[in-house]
Protein backbone atom coordinates (compact mmCIF):
# COMPACT_ATOMS: atom_id res chain seq x y z
CA MET A 1 32.96 -35.82 -78.59
CA PRO A 2 32.26 -37.77 -75.42
CA ALA A 3 32.33 -34.48 -73.52
CA GLU A 4 29.60 -32.96 -75.73
CA THR A 5 27.38 -35.98 -75.21
CA ALA A 6 27.70 -35.61 -71.44
CA VAL A 7 26.65 -31.95 -71.61
CA GLU A 8 23.59 -32.76 -73.65
CA LYS A 9 22.47 -35.45 -71.22
CA LYS A 10 22.87 -33.11 -68.24
CA ALA A 11 20.87 -30.45 -69.97
CA ALA A 12 18.15 -32.93 -70.78
CA ALA A 13 18.03 -34.08 -67.21
CA SER A 14 17.68 -30.51 -65.96
CA GLU A 15 14.73 -29.91 -68.25
CA LYS A 16 12.86 -32.78 -66.68
CA SER A 17 13.39 -31.46 -63.06
CA PRO A 18 10.62 -29.02 -61.88
CA GLY A 19 11.76 -25.53 -60.81
CA PHE A 20 11.70 -24.32 -57.17
CA LEU A 21 8.56 -22.22 -57.63
CA GLN A 22 6.83 -25.07 -59.42
CA LYS A 23 7.72 -27.43 -56.61
CA TYR A 24 7.07 -25.18 -53.57
CA GLY A 25 5.14 -22.19 -54.88
CA PHE A 26 1.71 -23.81 -54.67
CA SER A 27 2.28 -25.05 -51.11
CA ALA A 28 3.53 -21.64 -49.98
CA THR A 29 0.51 -19.95 -51.54
CA VAL A 30 -1.88 -22.33 -49.80
CA ALA A 31 -0.10 -21.83 -46.47
CA GLY A 32 -0.20 -18.07 -46.89
CA LEU A 33 -3.91 -18.10 -47.63
CA GLY A 34 -4.49 -20.35 -44.64
CA LEU A 35 -2.61 -17.98 -42.35
CA PHE A 36 -4.49 -15.01 -43.78
CA MET A 37 -7.83 -16.73 -43.18
CA LEU A 38 -6.75 -17.65 -39.65
CA VAL A 39 -5.92 -14.00 -38.91
CA LEU A 40 -9.28 -12.89 -40.30
CA ILE A 41 -11.12 -15.46 -38.21
CA HIS A 42 -9.15 -14.47 -35.08
CA ARG A 43 -9.96 -10.81 -35.58
CA SER A 44 -13.61 -11.56 -36.17
CA VAL A 45 -13.84 -13.67 -33.01
CA TYR A 46 -11.93 -11.05 -31.00
CA ALA A 47 -14.21 -8.26 -32.25
CA TYR A 48 -17.24 -10.34 -31.36
CA LEU A 49 -16.00 -11.12 -27.85
CA MET A 50 -15.08 -7.48 -27.24
CA THR A 51 -18.68 -6.41 -27.91
CA ASP A 52 -20.58 -9.39 -26.50
CA ASP A 53 -22.48 -8.41 -23.33
CA SER A 54 -21.72 -11.84 -21.86
CA TYR A 55 -18.08 -10.77 -21.46
CA THR A 56 -18.72 -7.16 -20.47
CA ILE A 57 -18.01 -5.88 -16.97
CA ASP A 58 -19.98 -2.95 -15.57
CA LEU A 59 -17.23 -1.12 -13.71
CA SER A 60 -19.71 0.86 -11.61
CA THR A 61 -20.61 -2.36 -9.77
CA LEU A 62 -17.08 -2.72 -8.37
CA HIS A 63 -16.86 -1.67 -4.73
CA VAL A 64 -15.18 -2.46 -1.44
CA ALA A 65 -17.18 -5.54 -0.51
CA ASP A 66 -16.01 -5.81 3.10
CA ARG A 67 -14.52 -3.40 5.55
CA PRO A 68 -11.27 -4.48 7.21
CA GLU A 69 -11.98 -6.42 10.39
CA TRP A 70 -10.32 -3.71 12.45
CA ALA A 71 -12.58 -0.94 11.13
CA GLY A 72 -15.21 0.41 13.49
CA ASP A 73 -18.72 1.53 12.64
CA GLY A 74 -17.54 5.14 12.46
CA LEU A 75 -15.65 4.42 9.27
CA VAL A 76 -18.51 2.92 7.25
CA SER A 77 -19.43 6.19 5.53
CA GLU A 78 -15.79 6.91 4.80
CA PHE A 79 -15.35 3.63 2.93
CA LYS A 80 -18.49 4.26 0.89
CA THR A 81 -17.48 7.74 -0.25
CA SER A 82 -14.54 6.56 -2.36
CA GLY A 83 -15.17 7.49 -6.00
CA PRO A 84 -16.61 4.62 -8.05
CA LEU A 85 -15.44 3.46 -11.46
CA THR A 86 -17.73 4.22 -14.39
CA GLY A 87 -18.34 2.74 -17.81
CA LYS A 88 -18.12 -0.78 -19.17
CA MET A 89 -15.18 -2.82 -20.46
CA SER A 90 -14.79 -6.26 -21.97
CA ILE A 91 -12.95 -8.84 -19.93
CA PHE A 92 -10.78 -9.31 -23.05
CA ASP A 93 -9.76 -5.64 -23.14
CA PRO A 94 -5.95 -5.57 -22.64
CA ASP A 95 -6.23 -2.29 -20.71
CA LEU A 96 -8.80 -3.59 -18.20
CA THR A 97 -6.49 -4.60 -15.34
CA LYS A 98 -4.31 -1.51 -15.79
CA HIS A 99 -7.36 0.77 -15.71
CA VAL A 100 -8.76 -0.84 -12.55
CA THR A 101 -5.36 -0.91 -10.82
CA GLU A 102 -4.74 2.79 -11.48
CA HIS A 103 -8.20 3.66 -10.15
CA TYR A 104 -7.73 1.88 -6.84
CA GLN A 105 -4.18 3.18 -6.44
CA GLN A 106 -5.66 6.69 -6.41
CA ASN A 107 -8.06 5.77 -3.61
CA PRO A 108 -6.76 7.39 -0.40
CA TRP A 109 -7.90 4.36 1.62
CA VAL A 110 -5.74 2.01 -0.47
CA SER A 111 -2.10 1.49 0.42
CA LYS A 112 -1.37 -1.03 -2.32
CA VAL A 113 -3.19 -2.94 -5.06
CA LEU A 114 -2.13 -6.55 -4.49
CA SER A 115 -3.83 -8.19 -7.48
CA VAL A 116 -6.52 -7.83 -10.15
CA GLN A 117 -7.79 -11.24 -11.30
CA LYS A 118 -10.18 -12.00 -14.15
CA GLU A 119 -12.81 -14.69 -13.75
CA PHE A 120 -14.69 -15.58 -16.92
CA PRO A 121 -17.07 -14.65 -18.26
CA ASN A 122 -17.50 -11.22 -16.62
CA THR A 123 -16.07 -11.04 -13.10
CA LEU A 124 -13.13 -9.17 -11.60
CA ARG A 125 -11.63 -9.81 -8.19
CA VAL A 126 -9.52 -6.95 -6.84
CA LYS A 127 -7.39 -7.47 -3.75
CA VAL A 128 -6.07 -4.35 -2.03
CA GLU A 129 -4.20 -3.50 1.15
CA MET A 130 -6.08 -0.83 3.09
CA ARG A 131 -4.38 1.90 5.05
CA LYS A 132 -4.49 1.17 8.77
CA PRO A 133 -4.59 4.03 11.29
CA LEU A 134 -1.57 4.26 13.58
CA VAL A 135 -2.09 7.62 15.30
CA ALA A 136 -4.85 10.23 15.58
CA VAL A 137 -3.60 13.81 15.33
CA GLU A 138 -5.59 16.31 17.39
CA MET A 139 -6.33 19.49 15.44
CA LYS A 140 -8.55 22.11 17.12
CA GLY A 141 -10.76 19.57 18.85
CA GLN A 142 -10.97 17.28 15.81
CA PHE A 143 -8.90 14.20 14.96
CA VAL A 144 -7.15 13.23 11.74
CA LEU A 145 -5.96 9.65 11.24
CA VAL A 146 -2.47 8.89 9.94
CA ASP A 147 -0.93 5.54 8.96
CA LYS A 148 2.58 4.12 9.38
CA ASP A 149 3.75 5.85 6.18
CA GLN A 150 2.70 9.29 7.49
CA VAL A 151 -0.16 9.31 4.98
CA ARG A 152 -3.41 10.98 5.97
CA ILE A 153 -6.43 8.69 6.02
CA PRO A 154 -9.78 10.16 4.83
CA GLY A 155 -12.10 11.85 7.28
CA THR A 156 -12.10 14.21 10.24
CA TYR A 157 -13.49 12.86 13.49
CA ALA A 158 -14.93 14.44 16.61
CA GLN A 159 -13.56 11.50 18.61
CA VAL A 160 -10.91 8.90 17.91
CA PRO A 161 -12.79 5.99 16.26
CA LYS A 162 -12.81 2.72 18.17
CA PHE A 163 -10.65 -0.02 16.72
CA SER A 164 -9.55 -3.46 17.83
CA PHE A 165 -6.19 -1.86 18.69
CA THR A 166 -5.05 1.33 20.38
CA VAL A 167 -4.59 4.46 18.30
CA ALA A 168 -2.66 7.05 20.30
CA ARG A 169 -3.56 10.72 20.14
CA VAL A 170 -0.83 13.05 18.90
CA LEU A 171 -0.57 16.48 20.51
CA GLY A 172 1.37 19.57 19.51
CA VAL A 173 1.35 19.37 15.68
CA LYS A 174 1.29 22.88 14.20
CA SER A 175 1.10 22.29 10.43
CA ALA A 176 -2.19 21.83 8.61
CA PRO A 177 -3.00 18.31 7.42
CA PRO A 178 -2.64 17.49 3.71
CA GLU A 179 -5.49 16.12 1.62
CA ALA A 180 -6.41 12.48 2.15
CA GLY A 181 -3.96 10.02 0.60
CA LYS A 182 -1.00 12.43 0.80
CA ARG A 183 2.04 12.17 3.08
CA TRP A 184 2.04 14.61 6.01
CA ALA A 185 5.51 16.14 5.85
CA ASP A 186 5.94 17.41 9.41
CA GLY A 187 8.71 16.78 11.96
CA GLY A 188 6.20 16.19 14.74
CA ILE A 189 4.22 13.68 12.67
CA GLU A 190 7.45 11.89 11.74
CA ALA A 191 8.41 11.66 15.43
CA ALA A 192 5.00 10.42 16.55
CA VAL A 193 4.77 7.81 13.79
CA GLY A 194 8.32 6.64 14.48
CA VAL A 195 7.67 6.17 18.22
CA ALA A 196 4.22 4.59 17.72
CA SER A 197 5.59 2.16 15.11
CA ALA A 198 8.42 1.12 17.43
CA LEU A 199 5.98 0.42 20.27
CA VAL A 200 3.69 -1.67 18.03
CA ASP A 201 6.51 -3.55 16.31
CA ASN A 202 8.03 -4.50 19.67
CA ARG A 203 4.64 -5.25 21.26
CA VAL A 204 5.10 -2.64 23.95
CA ASP A 205 1.51 -1.59 23.30
CA ARG A 206 0.48 -4.91 24.87
CA MET A 207 2.34 -4.07 28.05
CA MET A 208 0.85 -0.61 28.53
CA THR A 209 -1.59 1.82 26.94
CA VAL A 210 -0.26 4.99 25.33
CA ASN A 211 -3.00 7.60 25.53
CA ALA A 212 -1.10 10.40 23.83
CA ILE A 213 2.22 11.38 22.25
CA ASP A 214 3.24 15.01 22.77
CA VAL A 215 5.52 16.29 19.99
CA SER A 216 5.14 20.02 20.68
CA ARG A 217 8.86 20.43 21.38
CA VAL A 218 10.16 18.60 18.29
CA GLY A 219 12.67 20.76 16.46
CA ARG A 220 13.05 23.37 19.20
CA GLY A 221 16.42 22.19 20.41
CA GLY A 222 17.67 22.58 23.95
CA ARG A 223 18.18 19.93 26.61
CA GLU A 224 14.54 19.13 27.27
CA THR A 225 12.98 15.99 25.84
CA GLU A 226 11.34 16.50 22.46
CA VAL A 227 8.84 13.65 22.72
CA VAL A 228 6.73 12.72 25.75
CA LEU A 229 4.41 9.71 25.93
CA HIS A 230 1.41 9.87 28.23
CA ALA A 231 0.66 6.36 29.45
CA GLU A 232 -1.95 4.90 31.78
CA ASP A 233 -2.85 7.02 34.80
CA SER A 234 -1.29 9.98 32.93
CA VAL A 235 2.25 8.75 33.62
CA PRO A 236 4.66 10.82 31.45
CA ILE A 237 7.45 8.91 29.70
CA GLU A 238 10.28 11.08 28.40
CA TRP A 239 11.48 9.63 25.08
CA GLY A 240 14.19 12.15 24.27
CA ARG A 241 14.81 13.26 20.67
CA SER A 242 12.71 12.29 17.71
CA PRO A 243 13.53 8.88 16.17
CA ALA A 244 14.60 10.81 13.07
CA THR A 245 17.38 12.66 14.92
CA ARG A 246 21.02 12.12 14.04
CA GLU A 247 22.35 13.85 17.13
CA TYR A 248 25.52 12.33 18.57
CA GLY A 249 25.04 10.43 21.82
CA GLU A 250 21.29 9.94 21.44
CA LEU A 251 20.18 6.39 22.16
CA THR A 252 18.73 4.43 19.28
CA VAL A 253 15.04 3.59 19.09
CA ASP A 254 15.81 -0.05 19.93
CA GLU A 255 17.77 0.99 23.03
CA LYS A 256 14.94 3.20 24.26
CA VAL A 257 12.41 0.42 23.64
CA ARG A 258 14.61 -1.97 25.61
CA ASN A 259 14.77 0.53 28.48
CA LEU A 260 11.00 0.96 28.49
CA LYS A 261 10.40 -2.79 28.43
CA GLY A 262 12.76 -3.18 31.38
CA VAL A 263 10.81 -0.62 33.37
CA LEU A 264 7.51 -2.33 32.52
CA MET A 265 8.91 -5.70 33.59
CA SER A 266 9.76 -4.31 37.02
CA GLN A 267 6.71 -2.04 37.27
CA PRO A 268 3.82 -3.72 35.40
CA ARG A 269 1.39 -1.21 33.86
CA LEU A 270 3.54 1.45 35.56
CA LYS A 271 1.65 1.07 38.83
CA GLY A 272 2.89 3.56 41.41
CA VAL A 273 5.21 5.26 38.89
CA GLY A 274 5.19 9.05 38.63
CA ARG A 275 7.58 9.60 35.67
CA VAL A 276 9.92 7.58 33.44
CA LYS A 277 12.95 8.71 31.42
CA VAL A 278 14.10 6.21 28.79
CA GLN A 279 16.52 8.46 26.90
CA PHE A 280 19.49 7.59 29.13
CA ASP A 281 21.69 4.48 29.24
CA ASP A 282 20.17 3.70 32.63
CA PRO A 283 16.45 4.60 32.55
CA VAL A 284 15.18 6.80 35.34
CA VAL A 285 12.04 5.81 37.23
CA ILE A 286 10.52 8.30 39.66
CA MET A 287 7.92 6.77 41.95
CA ARG A 288 4.89 8.60 43.21
CA LYS A 289 4.95 9.85 46.77
């Protein structure tokens, strides 16, 4: 009998306790409605901002604001001929920076897109790294500029444009140049770019002026030097094989640069020198008679 009484009391107590849905169902419903309203409000605000002219960027107004400080007047028209962006996009559009980045990456003047920054309400700041000419390849009386990556820079020039640094002429290239922005896959171009880069990186260009780099013998084989530099006063400097060679016994680029620097230390600006050979362990200097 006592046991039955206990069961009845427990049952009575359970009847007085509210169920889970009664206790939490109303709160969950209110929270759900609140979240739903928040989503609706967010979408409405987003849709408004996406179409509001105050936050719209006219992509056709984007342009290269300043030429690189090294660029001469002869390159002004070349910078202006790069294809402009068209259309309008909201600053809130998630595809905006990707779209602008891809556009500038296709510009043959641009080596790399460094950043695309949004400035509210409707401004974009694009920072790019421009291709810098390293050599000027002579082709039938005209010149084509090439950068350190062997990529052709836009334009064909009757004369080598004037820069704040020396751009050596390259002689003896047989293959036709690619379209602007494409890599020039040619053994002679590779040799000229390799030598020119080594001279600039080691500041040899500050010790002498290289007027031309002759690569006409690159790939021919034989014992003759493949690359010849023509320095001030037309002094020929035999470089030896192309920097890309893997031939046994050939000095490294660093060793040849060290040899050339040694010659320039003893014969500043190569005054009185008739010919130099830097492809040997001990460089050869032939004086003029």
